[in-house]
Amino acid sequence: MRSTRFSAIFRHAAKGLIPFLALCCTAFAQEALLASSGPLDSDAAVETAAVGKVILPEAPSQHRFWDRENLALFGSVAALSAADFAVTHANLQNGGKELDPVTRLFGHSAAGLAANFVGETAGVIGLSYFFHKAGHHRLERLTSMINLGASTFAVTYDLVHR
């Protein structure tokens, strides 16, 4: 794939940002927990204890993992990953060079290159599922959006610089 150092740096930055966000998810959760917890009302606790029922605050609204928005995002991720595979494969066949060291490892065969892009798509969906189960729904969507941006940039750049 014919690419510049900027394209490779951009891809590495996007791939490095996702694990960074995964490591920071506990910090976001603790910050949200501290912001949402207020002073306890001891009179209300006594009244509920006397009645015998404990009233808990409402949980934040949940959504299913395979809802419409995630289906659209994951479909877009898969489509752009397929487009990136096609453009990368065509550029490598025409004598181009892949500067992304991870993709370069798999770029010697069409099957290896396809496995790289399928693995990338599966990784995005898996990380989104992890964020969904951890209750970080903004990060769940952001993971797909970051990958969409990086893939869109890569495909557009490669098509322009054929």
C-alpha atoms as a PDB file:
ATOM      1  CA  MET A   1       0.000   0.000   0.000  1.00  0.00           C
ATOM      2  CA  ARG A   2       1.411   3.327  -0.972  1.00  0.00           C
ATOM      3  CA  SER A   3       1.339   5.483   2.094  1.00  0.00           C
ATOM      4  CA  THR A   4       3.251   8.204   3.892  1.00  0.00           C
ATOM      5  CA  ARG A   5       4.609   8.339   7.370  1.00  0.00           C
ATOM      6  CA  PHE A   6       1.687  10.572   8.391  1.00  0.00           C
ATOM      7  CA  SER A   7      -0.814   7.870   7.445  1.00  0.00           C
ATOM      8  CA  ALA A   8       1.120   5.261   9.431  1.00  0.00           C
ATOM      9  CA  ILE A   9       1.418   7.596  12.418  1.00  0.00           C
ATOM     10  CA  PHE A  10      -2.317   8.334  12.271  1.00  0.00           C
ATOM     11  CA  ARG A  11      -3.166   4.634  12.215  1.00  0.00           C
ATOM     12  CA  HIS A  12      -0.843   3.907  15.134  1.00  0.00           C
ATOM     13  CA  ALA A  13      -2.337   6.775  17.114  1.00  0.00           C
ATOM     14  CA  ALA A  14      -5.866   5.473  16.496  1.00  0.00           C
ATOM     15  CA  LYS A  15      -4.870   1.912  17.408  1.00  0.00           C
ATOM     16  CA  GLY A  16      -3.067   3.121  20.529  1.00  0.00           C
ATOM     17  CA  LEU A  17      -5.970   5.270  21.681  1.00  0.00           C
ATOM     18  CA  ILE A  18      -8.394   2.372  22.071  1.00  0.00           C
ATOM     19  CA  PRO A  19      -6.308   0.452  24.669  1.00  0.00           C
ATOM     20  CA  PHE A  20      -5.637   3.749  26.439  1.00  0.00           C
ATOM     21  CA  LEU A  21      -9.375   4.335  26.722  1.00  0.00           C
ATOM     22  CA  ALA A  22      -9.814   0.798  28.035  1.00  0.00           C
ATOM     23  CA  LEU A  23      -7.313   1.460  30.791  1.00  0.00           C
ATOM     24  CA  CYS A  24      -9.000   4.751  31.690  1.00  0.00           C
ATOM     25  CA  CYS A  25     -12.524   3.323  31.951  1.00  0.00           C
ATOM     26  CA  THR A  26     -12.223   2.721  35.686  1.00  0.00           C
ATOM     27  CA  ALA A  27     -11.196   6.328  36.231  1.00  0.00           C
ATOM     28  CA  PHE A  28     -14.259   7.519  34.305  1.00  0.00           C
ATOM     29  CA  ALA A  29     -16.505   5.218  36.336  1.00  0.00           C
ATOM     30  CA  GLN A  30     -15.123   6.390  39.677  1.00  0.00           C
ATOM     31  CA  GLU A  31     -15.453  10.020  38.668  1.00  0.00           C
ATOM     32  CA  ALA A  32     -19.065   9.516  37.606  1.00  0.00           C
ATOM     33  CA  LEU A  33     -19.815   7.649  40.832  1.00  0.00           C
ATOM     34  CA  LEU A  34     -18.376  10.435  42.976  1.00  0.00           C
ATOM     35  CA  ALA A  35     -20.260  13.091  41.007  1.00  0.00           C
ATOM     36  CA  SER A  36     -23.598  11.288  41.259  1.00  0.00           C
ATOM     37  CA  SER A  37     -23.418  10.422  44.945  1.00  0.00           C
ATOM     38  CA  GLY A  38     -24.710  13.099  47.208  1.00  0.00           C
ATOM     39  CA  PRO A  39     -25.151  13.380  50.958  1.00  0.00           C
ATOM     40  CA  LEU A  40     -27.269  10.624  52.462  1.00  0.00           C
ATOM     41  CA  ASP A  41     -30.558  11.544  54.073  1.00  0.00           C
ATOM     42  CA  SER A  42     -30.603   9.668  57.376  1.00  0.00           C
ATOM     43  CA  ASP A  43     -34.338  10.358  57.990  1.00  0.00           C
ATOM     44  CA  ALA A  44     -35.280   8.698  54.695  1.00  0.00           C
ATOM     45  CA  ALA A  45     -33.095   5.701  55.538  1.00  0.00           C
ATOM     46  CA  VAL A  46     -34.788   5.307  58.912  1.00  0.00           C
ATOM     47  CA  GLU A  47     -38.271   5.568  57.372  1.00  0.00           C
ATOM     48  CA  THR A  48     -37.504   2.959  54.742  1.00  0.00           C
ATOM     49  CA  ALA A  49     -35.952   0.667  57.354  1.00  0.00           C
ATOM     50  CA  ALA A  50     -39.088   0.964  59.499  1.00  0.00           C
ATOM     51  CA  VAL A  51     -41.315   0.042  56.561  1.00  0.00           C
ATOM     52  CA  GLY A  52     -39.055  -2.876  55.692  1.00  0.00           C
ATOM     53  CA  LYS A  53     -38.441  -1.929  52.064  1.00  0.00           C
ATOM     54  CA  VAL A  54     -35.266  -0.358  50.859  1.00  0.00           C
ATOM     55  CA  ILE A  55     -35.752   2.005  47.958  1.00  0.00           C
ATOM     56  CA  LEU A  56     -32.736   2.154  45.683  1.00  0.00           C
ATOM     57  CA  PRO A  57     -32.136   4.897  43.155  1.00  0.00           C
ATOM     58  CA  GLU A  58     -33.024   4.081  39.576  1.00  0.00           C
ATOM     59  CA  ALA A  59     -30.324   2.494  37.493  1.00  0.00           C
ATOM     60  CA  PRO A  60     -29.268   4.343  34.365  1.00  0.00           C
ATOM     61  CA  SER A  61     -31.156   3.296  31.269  1.00  0.00           C
ATOM     62  CA  GLN A  62     -29.631   0.277  29.591  1.00  0.00           C
ATOM     63  CA  HIS A  63     -29.715  -0.627  25.938  1.00  0.00           C
ATOM     64  CA  ARG A  64     -29.177  -3.923  24.215  1.00  0.00           C
ATOM     65  CA  PHE A  65     -25.733  -4.442  22.716  1.00  0.00           C
ATOM     66  CA  TRP A  66     -27.101  -5.305  19.283  1.00  0.00           C
ATOM     67  CA  ASP A  67     -29.355  -2.247  19.018  1.00  0.00           C
ATOM     68  CA  ARG A  68     -29.829  -0.264  15.809  1.00  0.00           C
ATOM     69  CA  GLU A  69     -27.027   2.200  16.459  1.00  0.00           C
ATOM     70  CA  ASN A  70     -24.452  -0.512  17.165  1.00  0.00           C
ATOM     71  CA  LEU A  71     -25.610  -2.532  14.156  1.00  0.00           C
ATOM     72  CA  ALA A  72     -25.133   0.533  11.952  1.00  0.00           C
ATOM     73  CA  LEU A  73     -21.733   1.286  13.481  1.00  0.00           C
ATOM     74  CA  PHE A  74     -20.484  -2.305  13.214  1.00  0.00           C
ATOM     75  CA  GLY A  75     -21.798  -2.589   9.658  1.00  0.00           C
ATOM     76  CA  SER A  76     -19.913   0.586   8.762  1.00  0.00           C
ATOM     77  CA  VAL A  77     -16.764  -0.711  10.460  1.00  0.00           C
ATOM     78  CA  ALA A  78     -17.000  -3.972   8.487  1.00  0.00           C
ATOM     79  CA  ALA A  79     -17.671  -2.165   5.195  1.00  0.00           C
ATOM     80  CA  LEU A  80     -14.762   0.235   5.636  1.00  0.00           C
ATOM     81  CA  SER A  81     -12.517  -2.608   6.719  1.00  0.00           C
ATOM     82  CA  ALA A  82     -13.429  -4.477   3.522  1.00  0.00           C
ATOM     83  CA  ALA A  83     -12.752  -1.329   1.474  1.00  0.00           C
ATOM     84  CA  ASP A  84      -9.411  -0.873   3.235  1.00  0.00           C
ATOM     85  CA  PHE A  85      -8.560  -4.503   2.449  1.00  0.00           C
ATOM     86  CA  ALA A  86      -9.442  -4.068  -1.227  1.00  0.00           C
ATOM     87  CA  VAL A  87      -7.463  -0.852  -1.662  1.00  0.00           C
ATOM     88  CA  THR A  88      -4.478  -2.161   0.314  1.00  0.00           C
ATOM     89  CA  HIS A  89      -4.432  -5.422  -1.627  1.00  0.00           C
ATOM     90  CA  ALA A  90      -4.632  -3.585  -4.974  1.00  0.00           C
ATOM     91  CA  ASN A  91      -1.840  -1.206  -3.978  1.00  0.00           C
ATOM     92  CA  LEU A  92       0.398  -4.044  -2.787  1.00  0.00           C
ATOM     93  CA  GLN A  93      -0.199  -5.932  -6.047  1.00  0.00           C
ATOM     94  CA  ASN A  94       0.879  -2.844  -8.016  1.00  0.00           C
ATOM     95  CA  GLY A  95       4.183  -2.557  -6.153  1.00  0.00           C
ATOM     96  CA  GLY A  96       3.135  -0.320  -3.279  1.00  0.00           C
ATOM     97  CA  LYS A  97       4.587  -0.629   0.201  1.00  0.00           C
ATOM     98  CA  GLU A  98       2.709  -0.946   3.477  1.00  0.00           C
ATOM     99  CA  LEU A  99       4.129   1.318   6.186  1.00  0.00           C
ATOM    100  CA  ASP A 100       1.918   0.033   9.002  1.00  0.00           C
ATOM    101  CA  PRO A 101       4.135  -2.574  10.689  1.00  0.00           C
ATOM    102  CA  VAL A 102       1.218  -4.671  11.964  1.00  0.00           C
ATOM    103  CA  THR A 103      -0.451  -4.865   8.559  1.00  0.00           C
ATOM    104  CA  ARG A 104       2.941  -5.365   6.897  1.00  0.00           C
ATOM    105  CA  LEU A 105       3.353  -8.636   8.824  1.00  0.00           C
ATOM    106  CA  PHE A 106       0.200 -10.004   7.174  1.00  0.00           C
ATOM    107  CA  GLY A 107       0.532  -8.301   3.780  1.00  0.00           C
ATOM    108  CA  HIS A 108       2.508 -11.035   2.020  1.00  0.00           C
ATOM    109  CA  SER A 109      -0.636 -12.995   1.106  1.00  0.00           C
ATOM    110  CA  ALA A 110      -4.235 -12.107   0.405  1.00  0.00           C
ATOM    111  CA  ALA A 111      -5.429 -14.518   3.107  1.00  0.00           C
ATOM    112  CA  GLY A 112      -3.116 -12.989   5.700  1.00  0.00           C
ATOM    113  CA  LEU A 113      -4.187  -9.481   4.761  1.00  0.00           C
ATOM    114  CA  ALA A 114      -7.857 -10.489   4.973  1.00  0.00           C
ATOM    115  CA  ALA A 115      -7.224 -12.074   8.387  1.00  0.00           C
ATOM    116  CA  ASN A 116      -5.659  -8.798   9.560  1.00  0.00           C
ATOM    117  CA  PHE A 117      -8.712  -6.738   8.615  1.00  0.00           C
ATOM    118  CA  VAL A 118     -11.183  -9.332   9.937  1.00  0.00           C
ATOM    119  CA  GLY A 119      -9.240  -9.378  13.197  1.00  0.00           C
ATOM    120  CA  GLU A 120      -9.350  -5.590  13.352  1.00  0.00           C
ATOM    121  CA  THR A 121     -13.133  -5.627  12.921  1.00  0.00           C
ATOM    122  CA  ALA A 122     -13.550  -8.377  15.511  1.00  0.00           C
ATOM    123  CA  GLY A 123     -11.320  -6.439  17.896  1.00  0.00           C
ATOM    124  CA  VAL A 124     -13.451  -3.306  17.572  1.00  0.00           C
ATOM    125  CA  ILE A 125     -16.643  -5.273  18.238  1.00  0.00           C
ATOM    126  CA  GLY A 126     -15.032  -7.116  21.154  1.00  0.00           C
ATOM    127  CA  LEU A 127     -13.769  -3.922  22.779  1.00  0.00           C
ATOM    128  CA  SER A 128     -17.177  -2.328  22.309  1.00  0.00           C
ATOM    129  CA  TYR A 129     -18.785  -5.326  23.993  1.00  0.00           C
ATOM    130  CA  PHE A 130     -16.330  -5.024  26.889  1.00  0.00           C
ATOM    131  CA  PHE A 131     -17.267  -1.360  27.343  1.00  0.00           C
ATOM    132  CA  HIS A 132     -20.973  -2.279  27.101  1.00  0.00           C
ATOM    133  CA  LYS A 133     -20.672  -4.887  29.848  1.00  0.00           C
ATOM    134  CA  ALA A 134     -18.665  -2.466  31.999  1.00  0.00           C
ATOM    135  CA  GLY A 135     -21.450   0.125  31.632  1.00  0.00           C
ATOM    136  CA  HIS A 136     -19.397   2.612  29.604  1.00  0.00           C
ATOM    137  CA  HIS A 137     -21.842   3.151  26.782  1.00  0.00           C
ATOM    138  CA  ARG A 138     -20.203   6.307  25.443  1.00  0.00           C
ATOM    139  CA  LEU A 139     -16.883   4.499  25.098  1.00  0.00           C
ATOM    140  CA  GLU A 140     -18.745   1.587  23.520  1.00  0.00           C
ATOM    141  CA  ARG A 141     -19.860   3.829  20.653  1.00  0.00           C
ATOM    142  CA  LEU A 142     -16.637   5.851  20.579  1.00  0.00           C
ATOM    143  CA  THR A 143     -14.569   2.736  19.855  1.00  0.00           C
ATOM    144  CA  SER A 144     -16.390   2.167  16.574  1.00  0.00           C
ATOM    145  CA  MET A 145     -16.317   5.844  15.685  1.00  0.00           C
ATOM    146  CA  ILE A 146     -12.537   6.094  16.148  1.00  0.00           C
ATOM    147  CA  ASN A 147     -12.025   3.044  13.951  1.00  0.00           C
ATOM    148  CA  LEU A 148     -14.389   4.493  11.346  1.00  0.00           C
ATOM    149  CA  GLY A 149     -12.381   7.707  11.268  1.00  0.00           C
ATOM    150  CA  ALA A 150      -9.048   5.921  10.917  1.00  0.00           C
ATOM    151  CA  SER A 151     -10.322   3.568   8.210  1.00  0.00           C
ATOM    152  CA  THR A 152     -12.022   6.378   6.293  1.00  0.00           C
ATOM    153  CA  PHE A 153      -8.810   8.385   6.352  1.00  0.00           C
ATOM    154  CA  ALA A 154      -6.745   5.386   5.196  1.00  0.00           C
ATOM    155  CA  VAL A 155      -9.100   4.460   2.338  1.00  0.00           C
ATOM    156  CA  THR A 156      -9.469   8.059   1.173  1.00  0.00           C
ATOM    157  CA  TYR A 157      -5.748   8.717   1.293  1.00  0.00           C
ATOM    158  CA  ASP A 158      -4.931   5.504  -0.555  1.00  0.00           C
ATOM    159  CA  LEU A 159      -7.492   6.219  -3.271  1.00  0.00           C
ATOM    160  CA  VAL A 160      -6.229   9.749  -3.788  1.00  0.00           C
ATOM    161  CA  HIS A 161      -2.562   8.709  -3.904  1.00  0.00           C
ATOM    162  CA  ARG A 162      -2.822   5.674  -6.190  1.00  0.00           C
END
